[in-house]
Amino acid sequence: MAELKCIDEQTAELSGDLLHGTVTDVIVPGRELITAAGSQWTVDMQGVGQVSSSGVALVLEWLRAAETANCTLRIRHLPDHMRPIIDISDLEPLFAPLLT
């Protein structure tokens, strides 16, 4: 199960496993928080456990939502075990600017 907890208007904490069956729980809440955030939204991923390509797809979906809302997306504590998926997918140029 994945969970997205709003910390304040511009910050949220993502926790749990980001797998095919769990990311759907947080896609829409993330979009809604991005829309309400204004110019910047930060998601802290320190509490994330297992990650599959679905977790990468989730972040890409939120990046699209942020661009549509003219909002800058920032990521704190990207899980180390997510990086190989990003690298093999040639997504490093998209993810590098997001990392804080």
PDB file of N, CA and C in Angstrom:
ATOM      1  N   MET A   1       0.837  -1.180   0.000  1.00  0.00           N
ATOM      2  CA  MET A   1       0.000   0.000   0.000  1.00  0.00           C
ATOM      3  C   MET A   1       0.885   1.248   0.000  1.00  0.00           C
ATOM      4  N   ALA A   2       0.537   2.206  -0.810  1.00  0.00           N
ATOM      5  CA  ALA A   2       1.227   3.492  -0.850  1.00  0.00           C
ATOM      6  C   ALA A   2       0.338   4.531  -0.177  1.00  0.00           C
ATOM      7  N   GLU A   3       0.979   5.479   0.488  1.00  0.00           N
ATOM      8  CA  GLU A   3       0.233   6.526   1.172  1.00  0.00           C
ATOM      9  C   GLU A   3       0.903   7.871   0.919  1.00  0.00           C
ATOM     10  N   LEU A   4       0.089   8.877   0.656  1.00  0.00           N
ATOM     11  CA  LEU A   4       0.575  10.233   0.448  1.00  0.00           C
ATOM     12  C   LEU A   4      -0.015  11.113   1.537  1.00  0.00           C
ATOM     13  N   LYS A   5       0.847  11.697   2.352  1.00  0.00           N
ATOM     14  CA  LYS A   5       0.412  12.514   3.482  1.00  0.00           C
ATOM     15  C   LYS A   5       0.806  13.962   3.240  1.00  0.00           C
ATOM     16  N   CYS A   6      -0.172  14.847   3.277  1.00  0.00           N
ATOM     17  CA  CYS A   6       0.079  16.276   3.099  1.00  0.00           C
ATOM     18  C   CYS A   6       0.692  16.833   4.385  1.00  0.00           C
ATOM     19  N   ILE A   7       1.862  17.449   4.272  1.00  0.00           N
ATOM     20  CA  ILE A   7       2.538  18.068   5.411  1.00  0.00           C
ATOM     21  C   ILE A   7       2.149  19.537   5.514  1.00  0.00           C
ATOM     22  N   ASP A   8       2.202  20.228   4.418  1.00  0.00           N
ATOM     23  CA  ASP A   8       1.713  21.599   4.317  1.00  0.00           C
ATOM     24  C   ASP A   8       1.319  21.827   2.862  1.00  0.00           C
ATOM     25  N   GLU A   9       0.965  23.038   2.515  1.00  0.00           N
ATOM     26  CA  GLU A   9       0.451  23.330   1.174  1.00  0.00           C
ATOM     27  C   GLU A   9       1.414  22.941   0.061  1.00  0.00           C
ATOM     28  N   GLN A  10       2.711  22.951   0.334  1.00  0.00           N
ATOM     29  CA  GLN A  10       3.695  22.690  -0.712  1.00  0.00           C
ATOM     30  C   GLN A  10       4.558  21.455  -0.469  1.00  0.00           C
ATOM     31  N   THR A  11       4.205  20.644   0.529  1.00  0.00           N
ATOM     32  CA  THR A  11       5.031  19.486   0.864  1.00  0.00           C
ATOM     33  C   THR A  11       4.168  18.286   1.223  1.00  0.00           C
ATOM     34  N   ALA A  12       4.595  17.112   0.749  1.00  0.00           N
ATOM     35  CA  ALA A  12       3.917  15.861   1.098  1.00  0.00           C
ATOM     36  C   ALA A  12       4.957  14.776   1.333  1.00  0.00           C
ATOM     37  N   GLU A  13       4.551  13.758   2.083  1.00  0.00           N
ATOM     38  CA  GLU A  13       5.404  12.595   2.318  1.00  0.00           C
ATOM     39  C   GLU A  13       4.762  11.385   1.657  1.00  0.00           C
ATOM     40  N   LEU A  14       5.552  10.685   0.864  1.00  0.00           N
ATOM     41  CA  LEU A  14       5.101   9.467   0.200  1.00  0.00           C
ATOM     42  C   LEU A  14       5.729   8.287   0.921  1.00  0.00           C
ATOM     43  N   SER A  15       4.911   7.285   1.256  1.00  0.00           N
ATOM     44  CA  SER A  15       5.440   6.115   1.952  1.00  0.00           C
ATOM     45  C   SER A  15       4.782   4.847   1.425  1.00  0.00           C
ATOM     46  N   GLY A  16       5.370   3.717   1.786  1.00  0.00           N
ATOM     47  CA  GLY A  16       4.853   2.425   1.356  1.00  0.00           C
ATOM     48  C   GLY A  16       5.568   1.931   0.112  1.00  0.00           C
ATOM     49  N   ASP A  17       5.008   0.890  -0.479  1.00  0.00           N
ATOM     50  CA  ASP A  17       5.585   0.291  -1.680  1.00  0.00           C
ATOM     51  C   ASP A  17       4.975   0.909  -2.931  1.00  0.00           C
ATOM     52  N   LEU A  18       5.811   1.195  -3.923  1.00  0.00           N
ATOM     53  CA  LEU A  18       5.350   1.771  -5.188  1.00  0.00           C
ATOM     54  C   LEU A  18       5.396   0.685  -6.248  1.00  0.00           C
ATOM     55  N   LEU A  19       4.337  -0.102  -6.282  1.00  0.00           N
ATOM     56  CA  LEU A  19       4.222  -1.231  -7.196  1.00  0.00           C
ATOM     57  C   LEU A  19       2.969  -1.061  -8.043  1.00  0.00           C
ATOM     58  N   HIS A  20       2.801  -1.923  -9.031  1.00  0.00           N
ATOM     59  CA  HIS A  20       1.669  -1.828  -9.956  1.00  0.00           C
ATOM     60  C   HIS A  20       0.330  -1.717  -9.220  1.00  0.00           C
ATOM     61  N   GLY A  21       0.153  -2.481  -8.181  1.00  0.00           N
ATOM     62  CA  GLY A  21      -1.118  -2.490  -7.473  1.00  0.00           C
ATOM     63  C   GLY A  21      -1.277  -1.431  -6.403  1.00  0.00           C
ATOM     64  N   THR A  22      -0.247  -0.623  -6.161  1.00  0.00           N
ATOM     65  CA  THR A  22      -0.327   0.351  -5.071  1.00  0.00           C
ATOM     66  C   THR A  22      -0.265   1.807  -5.519  1.00  0.00           C
ATOM     67  N   VAL A  23       0.354   2.091  -6.639  1.00  0.00           N
ATOM     68  CA  VAL A  23       0.525   3.500  -7.037  1.00  0.00           C
ATOM     69  C   VAL A  23      -0.802   4.166  -7.391  1.00  0.00           C
ATOM     70  N   THR A  24      -1.785   3.378  -7.791  1.00  0.00           N
ATOM     71  CA  THR A  24      -3.079   3.963  -8.155  1.00  0.00           C
ATOM     72  C   THR A  24      -3.734   4.666  -6.967  1.00  0.00           C
ATOM     73  N   ASP A  25      -3.366   4.273  -5.744  1.00  0.00           N
ATOM     74  CA  ASP A  25      -3.934   4.906  -4.551  1.00  0.00           C
ATOM     75  C   ASP A  25      -3.487   6.354  -4.382  1.00  0.00           C
ATOM     76  N   VAL A  26      -2.372   6.723  -4.979  1.00  0.00           N
ATOM     77  CA  VAL A  26      -1.810   8.053  -4.720  1.00  0.00           C
ATOM     78  C   VAL A  26      -1.704   8.944  -5.962  1.00  0.00           C
ATOM     79  N   ILE A  27      -2.065   8.433  -7.131  1.00  0.00           N
ATOM     80  CA  ILE A  27      -1.962   9.249  -8.350  1.00  0.00           C
ATOM     81  C   ILE A  27      -2.828  10.500  -8.243  1.00  0.00           C
ATOM     82  N   VAL A  28      -4.117  10.316  -8.029  1.00  0.00           N
ATOM     83  CA  VAL A  28      -5.046  11.452  -8.002  1.00  0.00           C
ATOM     84  C   VAL A  28      -4.788  12.370  -6.809  1.00  0.00           C
ATOM     85  N   PRO A  29      -4.603  11.845  -5.592  1.00  0.00           N
ATOM     86  CA  PRO A  29      -4.283  12.764  -4.491  1.00  0.00           C
ATOM     87  C   PRO A  29      -3.033  13.612  -4.763  1.00  0.00           C
ATOM     88  N   GLY A  30      -2.039  13.029  -5.412  1.00  0.00           N
ATOM     89  CA  GLY A  30      -0.846  13.789  -5.770  1.00  0.00           C
ATOM     90  C   GLY A  30      -1.153  14.900  -6.751  1.00  0.00           C
ATOM     91  N   ARG A  31      -1.946  14.581  -7.766  1.00  0.00           N
ATOM     92  CA  ARG A  31      -2.340  15.618  -8.738  1.00  0.00           C
ATOM     93  C   ARG A  31      -3.068  16.764  -8.045  1.00  0.00           C
ATOM     94  N   GLU A  32      -3.973  16.414  -7.137  1.00  0.00           N
ATOM     95  CA  GLU A  32      -4.742  17.444  -6.428  1.00  0.00           C
ATOM     96  C   GLU A  32      -3.839  18.326  -5.571  1.00  0.00           C
ATOM     97  N   LEU A  33      -2.871  17.728  -4.898  1.00  0.00           N
ATOM     98  CA  LEU A  33      -1.937  18.511  -4.086  1.00  0.00           C
ATOM     99  C   LEU A  33      -1.069  19.415  -4.959  1.00  0.00           C
ATOM    100  N   ILE A  34      -0.663  18.913  -6.109  1.00  0.00           N
ATOM    101  CA  ILE A  34       0.135  19.715  -7.045  1.00  0.00           C
ATOM    102  C   ILE A  34      -0.662  20.925  -7.512  1.00  0.00           C
ATOM    103  N   THR A  35      -1.905  20.710  -7.879  1.00  0.00           N
ATOM    104  CA  THR A  35      -2.759  21.803  -8.355  1.00  0.00           C
ATOM    105  C   THR A  35      -2.941  22.864  -7.276  1.00  0.00           C
ATOM    106  N   ALA A  36      -3.070  22.439  -6.027  1.00  0.00           N
ATOM    107  CA  ALA A  36      -3.288  23.376  -4.924  1.00  0.00           C
ATOM    108  C   ALA A  36      -2.006  24.039  -4.424  1.00  0.00           C
ATOM    109  N   ALA A  37      -0.854  23.505  -4.804  1.00  0.00           N
ATOM    110  CA  ALA A  37       0.424  23.956  -4.238  1.00  0.00           C
ATOM    111  C   ALA A  37       0.869  25.335  -4.699  1.00  0.00           C
ATOM    112  N   GLY A  38       0.466  25.741  -5.857  1.00  0.00           N
ATOM    113  CA  GLY A  38       0.963  27.009  -6.378  1.00  0.00           C
ATOM    114  C   GLY A  38       2.203  26.806  -7.216  1.00  0.00           C
ATOM    115  N   SER A  39       3.286  27.500  -6.886  1.00  0.00           N
ATOM    116  CA  SER A  39       4.461  27.500  -7.758  1.00  0.00           C
ATOM    117  C   SER A  39       5.419  26.330  -7.543  1.00  0.00           C
ATOM    118  N   GLN A  40       5.342  25.656  -6.374  1.00  0.00           N
ATOM    119  CA  GLN A  40       6.277  24.560  -6.111  1.00  0.00           C
ATOM    120  C   GLN A  40       5.631  23.520  -5.203  1.00  0.00           C
ATOM    121  N   TRP A  41       5.937  22.239  -5.475  1.00  0.00           N
ATOM    122  CA  TRP A  41       5.472  21.134  -4.638  1.00  0.00           C
ATOM    123  C   TRP A  41       6.623  20.167  -4.443  1.00  0.00           C
ATOM    124  N   THR A  42       6.868  19.772  -3.196  1.00  0.00           N
ATOM    125  CA  THR A  42       7.944  18.848  -2.859  1.00  0.00           C
ATOM    126  C   THR A  42       7.355  17.581  -2.271  1.00  0.00           C
ATOM    127  N   VAL A  43       7.823  16.446  -2.754  1.00  0.00           N
ATOM    128  CA  VAL A  43       7.420  15.159  -2.192  1.00  0.00           C
ATOM    129  C   VAL A  43       8.650  14.492  -1.585  1.00  0.00           C
ATOM    130  N   ASP A  44       8.519  14.102  -0.326  1.00  0.00           N
ATOM    131  CA  ASP A  44       9.591  13.418   0.394  1.00  0.00           C
ATOM    132  C   ASP A  44       9.332  11.918   0.286  1.00  0.00           C
ATOM    133  N   MET A  45      10.289  11.192  -0.281  1.00  0.00           N
ATOM    134  CA  MET A  45      10.121   9.762  -0.529  1.00  0.00           C
ATOM    135  C   MET A  45      10.905   8.900   0.456  1.00  0.00           C
ATOM    136  N   GLN A  46      11.287   9.463   1.590  1.00  0.00           N
ATOM    137  CA  GLN A  46      12.095   8.731   2.557  1.00  0.00           C
ATOM    138  C   GLN A  46      11.393   7.472   3.069  1.00  0.00           C
ATOM    139  N   GLY A  47      10.074   7.479   3.141  1.00  0.00           N
ATOM    140  CA  GLY A  47       9.326   6.343   3.661  1.00  0.00           C
ATOM    141  C   GLY A  47       8.956   5.294   2.633  1.00  0.00           C
ATOM    142  N   VAL A  48       9.479   5.421   1.417  1.00  0.00           N
ATOM    143  CA  VAL A  48       9.142   4.470   0.351  1.00  0.00           C
ATOM    144  C   VAL A  48       9.920   3.172   0.544  1.00  0.00           C
ATOM    145  N   GLY A  49       9.217   2.050   0.385  1.00  0.00           N
ATOM    146  CA  GLY A  49       9.835   0.727   0.494  1.00  0.00           C
ATOM    147  C   GLY A  49      10.209   0.191  -0.875  1.00  0.00           C
ATOM    148  N   GLN A  50       9.529  -0.851  -1.313  1.00  0.00           N
ATOM    149  CA  GLN A  50       9.808  -1.453  -2.612  1.00  0.00           C
ATOM    150  C   GLN A  50       9.365  -0.520  -3.733  1.00  0.00           C
ATOM    151  N   VAL A  51      10.091  -0.601  -4.845  1.00  0.00           N
ATOM    152  CA  VAL A  51       9.783   0.239  -6.005  1.00  0.00           C
ATOM    153  C   VAL A  51       9.893  -0.601  -7.265  1.00  0.00           C
ATOM    154  N   SER A  52       8.921  -0.431  -8.157  1.00  0.00           N
ATOM    155  CA  SER A  52       8.998  -1.025  -9.495  1.00  0.00           C
ATOM    156  C   SER A  52       8.927   0.117 -10.502  1.00  0.00           C
ATOM    157  N   SER A  53       8.862  -0.226 -11.759  1.00  0.00           N
ATOM    158  CA  SER A  53       8.731   0.804 -12.796  1.00  0.00           C
ATOM    159  C   SER A  53       7.448   1.607 -12.609  1.00  0.00           C
ATOM    160  N   SER A  54       6.479   1.062 -11.906  1.00  0.00           N
ATOM    161  CA  SER A  54       5.245   1.803 -11.621  1.00  0.00           C
ATOM    162  C   SER A  54       5.524   3.027 -10.757  1.00  0.00           C
ATOM    163  N   GLY A  55       6.500   2.934  -9.871  1.00  0.00           N
ATOM    164  CA  GLY A  55       6.882   4.083  -9.063  1.00  0.00           C
ATOM    165  C   GLY A  55       7.494   5.187  -9.900  1.00  0.00           C
ATOM    166  N   VAL A  56       8.290   4.806 -10.877  1.00  0.00           N
ATOM    167  CA  VAL A  56       8.866   5.783 -11.803  1.00  0.00           C
ATOM    168  C   VAL A  56       7.749   6.420 -12.630  1.00  0.00           C
ATOM    169  N   ALA A  57       6.807   5.608 -13.087  1.00  0.00           N
ATOM    170  CA  ALA A  57       5.673   6.127 -13.861  1.00  0.00           C
ATOM    171  C   ALA A  57       4.844   7.101 -13.027  1.00  0.00           C
ATOM    172  N   LEU A  58       4.705   6.830 -11.749  1.00  0.00           N
ATOM    173  CA  LEU A  58       3.978   7.733 -10.855  1.00  0.00           C
ATOM    174  C   LEU A  58       4.642   9.106 -10.820  1.00  0.00           C
ATOM    175  N   VAL A  59       5.942   9.135 -10.636  1.00  0.00           N
ATOM    176  CA  VAL A  59       6.655  10.416 -10.595  1.00  0.00           C
ATOM    177  C   VAL A  59       6.542  11.132 -11.938  1.00  0.00           C
ATOM    178  N   LEU A  60       6.620  10.394 -13.038  1.00  0.00           N
ATOM    179  CA  LEU A  60       6.463  11.016 -14.358  1.00  0.00           C
ATOM    180  C   LEU A  60       5.070  11.612 -14.524  1.00  0.00           C
ATOM    181  N   GLU A  61       4.054  10.928 -14.020  1.00  0.00           N
ATOM    182  CA  GLU A  61       2.688  11.457 -14.080  1.00  0.00           C
ATOM    183  C   GLU A  61       2.580  12.744 -13.268  1.00  0.00           C
ATOM    184  N   TRP A  62       3.176  12.746 -12.094  1.00  0.00           N
ATOM    185  CA  TRP A  62       3.159  13.961 -11.277  1.00  0.00           C
ATOM    186  C   TRP A  62       3.961  15.079 -11.929  1.00  0.00           C
ATOM    187  N   LEU A  63       5.023  14.749 -12.637  1.00  0.00           N
ATOM    188  CA  LEU A  63       5.795  15.760 -13.357  1.00  0.00           C
ATOM    189  C   LEU A  63       4.937  16.397 -14.445  1.00  0.00           C
ATOM    190  N   ARG A  64       4.185  15.576 -15.170  1.00  0.00           N
ATOM    191  CA  ARG A  64       3.266  16.111 -16.191  1.00  0.00           C
ATOM    192  C   ARG A  64       2.231  17.035 -15.553  1.00  0.00           C
ATOM    193  N   ALA A  65       1.663  16.589 -14.433  1.00  0.00           N
ATOM    194  CA  ALA A  65       0.659  17.396 -13.741  1.00  0.00           C
ATOM    195  C   ALA A  65       1.257  18.719 -13.273  1.00  0.00           C
ATOM    196  N   ALA A  66       2.483  18.683 -12.776  1.00  0.00           N
ATOM    197  CA  ALA A  66       3.149  19.904 -12.321  1.00  0.00           C
ATOM    198  C   ALA A  66       3.400  20.860 -13.484  1.00  0.00           C
ATOM    199  N   GLU A  67       3.848  20.326 -14.615  1.00  0.00           N
ATOM    200  CA  GLU A  67       4.083  21.177 -15.782  1.00  0.00           C
ATOM    201  C   GLU A  67       2.782  21.819 -16.246  1.00  0.00           C
ATOM    202  N   THR A  68       1.697  21.060 -16.240  1.00  0.00           N
ATOM    203  CA  THR A  68       0.391  21.592 -16.639  1.00  0.00           C
ATOM    204  C   THR A  68      -0.051  22.707 -15.694  1.00  0.00           C
ATOM    205  N   ALA A  69       0.237  22.546 -14.403  1.00  0.00           N
ATOM    206  CA  ALA A  69      -0.151  23.529 -13.393  1.00  0.00           C
ATOM    207  C   ALA A  69       0.876  24.648 -13.234  1.00  0.00           C
ATOM    208  N   ASN A  70       1.924  24.639 -14.069  1.00  0.00           N
ATOM    209  CA  ASN A  70       3.008  25.620 -13.969  1.00  0.00           C
ATOM    210  C   ASN A  70       3.610  25.622 -12.558  1.00  0.00           C
ATOM    211  N   CYS A  71       3.860  24.413 -12.080  1.00  0.00           N
ATOM    212  CA  CYS A  71       4.372  24.184 -10.733  1.00  0.00           C
ATOM    213  C   CYS A  71       5.697  23.423 -10.839  1.00  0.00           C
ATOM    214  N   THR A  72       6.666  23.786 -10.027  1.00  0.00           N
ATOM    215  CA  THR A  72       7.945  23.085 -10.003  1.00  0.00           C
ATOM    216  C   THR A  72       7.852  21.905  -9.044  1.00  0.00           C
ATOM    217  N   LEU A  73       8.146  20.712  -9.541  1.00  0.00           N
ATOM    218  CA  LEU A  73       8.148  19.504  -8.721  1.00  0.00           C
ATOM    219  C   LEU A  73       9.548  19.264  -8.177  1.00  0.00           C
ATOM    220  N   ARG A  74       9.643  18.984  -6.887  1.00  0.00           N
ATOM    221  CA  ARG A  74      10.908  18.649  -6.241  1.00  0.00           C
ATOM    222  C   ARG A  74      10.750  17.311  -5.527  1.00  0.00           C
ATOM    223  N   ILE A  75      11.822  16.527  -5.511  1.00  0.00           N
ATOM    224  CA  ILE A  75      11.816  15.234  -4.835  1.00  0.00           C
ATOM    225  C   ILE A  75      12.929  15.210  -3.798  1.00  0.00           C
ATOM    226  N   ARG A  76      12.559  14.855  -2.578  1.00  0.00           N
ATOM    227  CA  ARG A  76      13.541  14.637  -1.510  1.00  0.00           C
ATOM    228  C   ARG A  76      13.661  13.139  -1.266  1.00  0.00           C
ATOM    229  N   HIS A  77      14.854  12.688  -1.030  1.00  0.00           N
ATOM    230  CA  HIS A  77      15.123  11.297  -0.645  1.00  0.00           C
ATOM    231  C   HIS A  77      14.617  10.285  -1.675  1.00  0.00           C
ATOM    232  N   LEU A  78      14.975  10.485  -2.924  1.00  0.00           N
ATOM    233  CA  LEU A  78      14.652   9.488  -3.945  1.00  0.00           C
ATOM    234  C   LEU A  78      15.297   8.169  -3.530  1.00  0.00           C
ATOM    235  N   PRO A  79      14.531   7.083  -3.463  1.00  0.00           N
ATOM    236  CA  PRO A  79      15.119   5.802  -3.043  1.00  0.00           C
ATOM    237  C   PRO A  79      16.252   5.363  -3.972  1.00  0.00           C
ATOM    238  N   ASP A  80      17.347   4.917  -3.383  1.00  0.00           N
ATOM    239  CA  ASP A  80      18.492   4.461  -4.175  1.00  0.00           C
ATOM    240  C   ASP A  80      18.111   3.337  -5.127  1.00  0.00           C
ATOM    241  N   HIS A  81      17.203   2.463  -4.703  1.00  0.00           N
ATOM    242  CA  HIS A  81      16.816   1.334  -5.545  1.00  0.00           C
ATOM    243  C   HIS A  81      15.874   1.739  -6.686  1.00  0.00           C
ATOM    244  N   MET A  82      15.532   3.011  -6.772  1.00  0.00           N
ATOM    245  CA  MET A  82      14.744   3.522  -7.892  1.00  0.00           C
ATOM    246  C   MET A  82      15.663   3.990  -9.029  1.00  0.00           C
ATOM    247  N   ARG A  83      16.878   4.325  -8.682  1.00  0.00           N
ATOM    248  CA  ARG A  83      17.824   4.876  -9.665  1.00  0.00           C
ATOM    249  C   ARG A  83      18.146   3.933 -10.824  1.00  0.00           C
ATOM    250  N   PRO A  84      18.333   2.627 -10.599  1.00  0.00           N
ATOM    251  CA  PRO A  84      18.605   1.753 -11.750  1.00  0.00           C
ATOM    252  C   PRO A  84      17.472   1.748 -12.786  1.00  0.00           C
ATOM    253  N   ILE A  85      16.238   1.843 -12.320  1.00  0.00           N
ATOM    254  CA  ILE A  85      15.100   1.890 -13.253  1.00  0.00           C
ATOM    255  C   ILE A  85      15.157   3.184 -14.060  1.00  0.00           C
ATOM    256  N   ILE A  86      15.465   4.279 -13.392  1.00  0.00           N
ATOM    257  CA  ILE A  86      15.580   5.577 -14.062  1.00  0.00           C
ATOM    258  C   ILE A  86      16.722   5.547 -15.074  1.00  0.00           C
ATOM    259  N   ASP A  87      17.856   4.988 -14.676  1.00  0.00           N
ATOM    260  CA  ASP A  87      19.027   4.934 -15.557  1.00  0.00           C
ATOM    261  C   ASP A  87      18.784   4.077 -16.792  1.00  0.00           C
ATOM    262  N   ILE A  88      18.243   2.878 -16.603  1.00  0.00           N
ATOM    263  CA  ILE A  88      18.037   1.974 -17.736  1.00  0.00           C
ATOM    264  C   ILE A  88      16.972   2.510 -18.695  1.00  0.00           C
ATOM    265  N   SER A  89      16.095   3.370 -18.176  1.00  0.00           N
ATOM    266  CA  SER A  89      15.044   3.966 -19.007  1.00  0.00           C
ATOM    267  C   SER A  89      15.480   5.283 -19.637  1.00  0.00           C
ATOM    268  N   ASP A  90      16.736   5.670 -19.428  1.00  0.00           N
ATOM    269  CA  ASP A  90      17.266   6.945 -19.935  1.00  0.00           C
ATOM    270  C   ASP A  90      16.454   8.148 -19.454  1.00  0.00           C
ATOM    271  N   LEU A  91      16.025   8.114 -18.215  1.00  0.00           N
ATOM    272  CA  LEU A  91      15.218   9.193 -17.656  1.00  0.00           C
ATOM    273  C   LEU A  91      16.005  10.118 -16.732  1.00  0.00           C
ATOM    274  N   GLU A  92      17.297   9.871 -16.594  1.00  0.00           N
ATOM    275  CA  GLU A  92      18.128  10.697 -15.720  1.00  0.00           C
ATOM    276  C   GLU A  92      18.013  12.194 -16.048  1.00  0.00           C
ATOM    277  N   PRO A  93      17.987  12.600 -17.331  1.00  0.00           N
ATOM    278  CA  PRO A  93      17.854  14.033 -17.622  1.00  0.00           C
ATOM    279  C   PRO A  93      16.542  14.639 -17.106  1.00  0.00           C
ATOM    280  N   LEU A  94      15.490  13.841 -17.020  1.00  0.00           N
ATOM    281  CA  LEU A  94      14.223  14.343 -16.485  1.00  0.00           C
ATOM    282  C   LEU A  94      14.233  14.407 -14.963  1.00  0.00           C
ATOM    283  N   PHE A  95      14.867  13.422 -14.335  1.00  0.00           N
ATOM    284  CA  PHE A  95      14.845  13.332 -12.881  1.00  0.00           C
ATOM    285  C   PHE A  95      15.871  14.228 -12.203  1.00  0.00           C
ATOM    286  N   ALA A  96      17.024  14.431 -12.802  1.00  0.00           N
ATOM    287  CA  ALA A  96      18.100  15.202 -12.161  1.00  0.00           C
ATOM    288  C   ALA A  96      17.643  16.578 -11.663  1.00  0.00           C
ATOM    289  N   PRO A  97      16.903  17.356 -12.445  1.00  0.00           N
ATOM    290  CA  PRO A  97      16.490  18.676 -11.956  1.00  0.00           C
ATOM    291  C   PRO A  97      15.480  18.625 -10.806  1.00  0.00           C
ATOM    292  N   LEU A  98      14.843  17.485 -10.596  1.00  0.00           N
ATOM    293  CA  LEU A  98      13.814  17.370  -9.565  1.00  0.00           C
ATOM    294  C   LEU A  98      14.382  17.121  -8.181  1.00  0.00           C
ATOM    295  N   LEU A  99      15.600  16.595  -8.125  1.00  0.00           N
ATOM    296  CA  LEU A  99      16.166  16.129  -6.864  1.00  0.00           C
ATOM    297  C   LEU A  99      16.697  17.275  -6.017  1.00  0.00           C
ATOM    298  N   THR A 100      16.338  17.246  -4.732  1.00  0.00           N
ATOM    299  CA  THR A 100      16.817  18.279  -3.802  1.00  0.00           C
ATOM    300  C   THR A 100      17.665  17.645  -2.725  1.00  0.00           C
TER     301      THR A 100
END
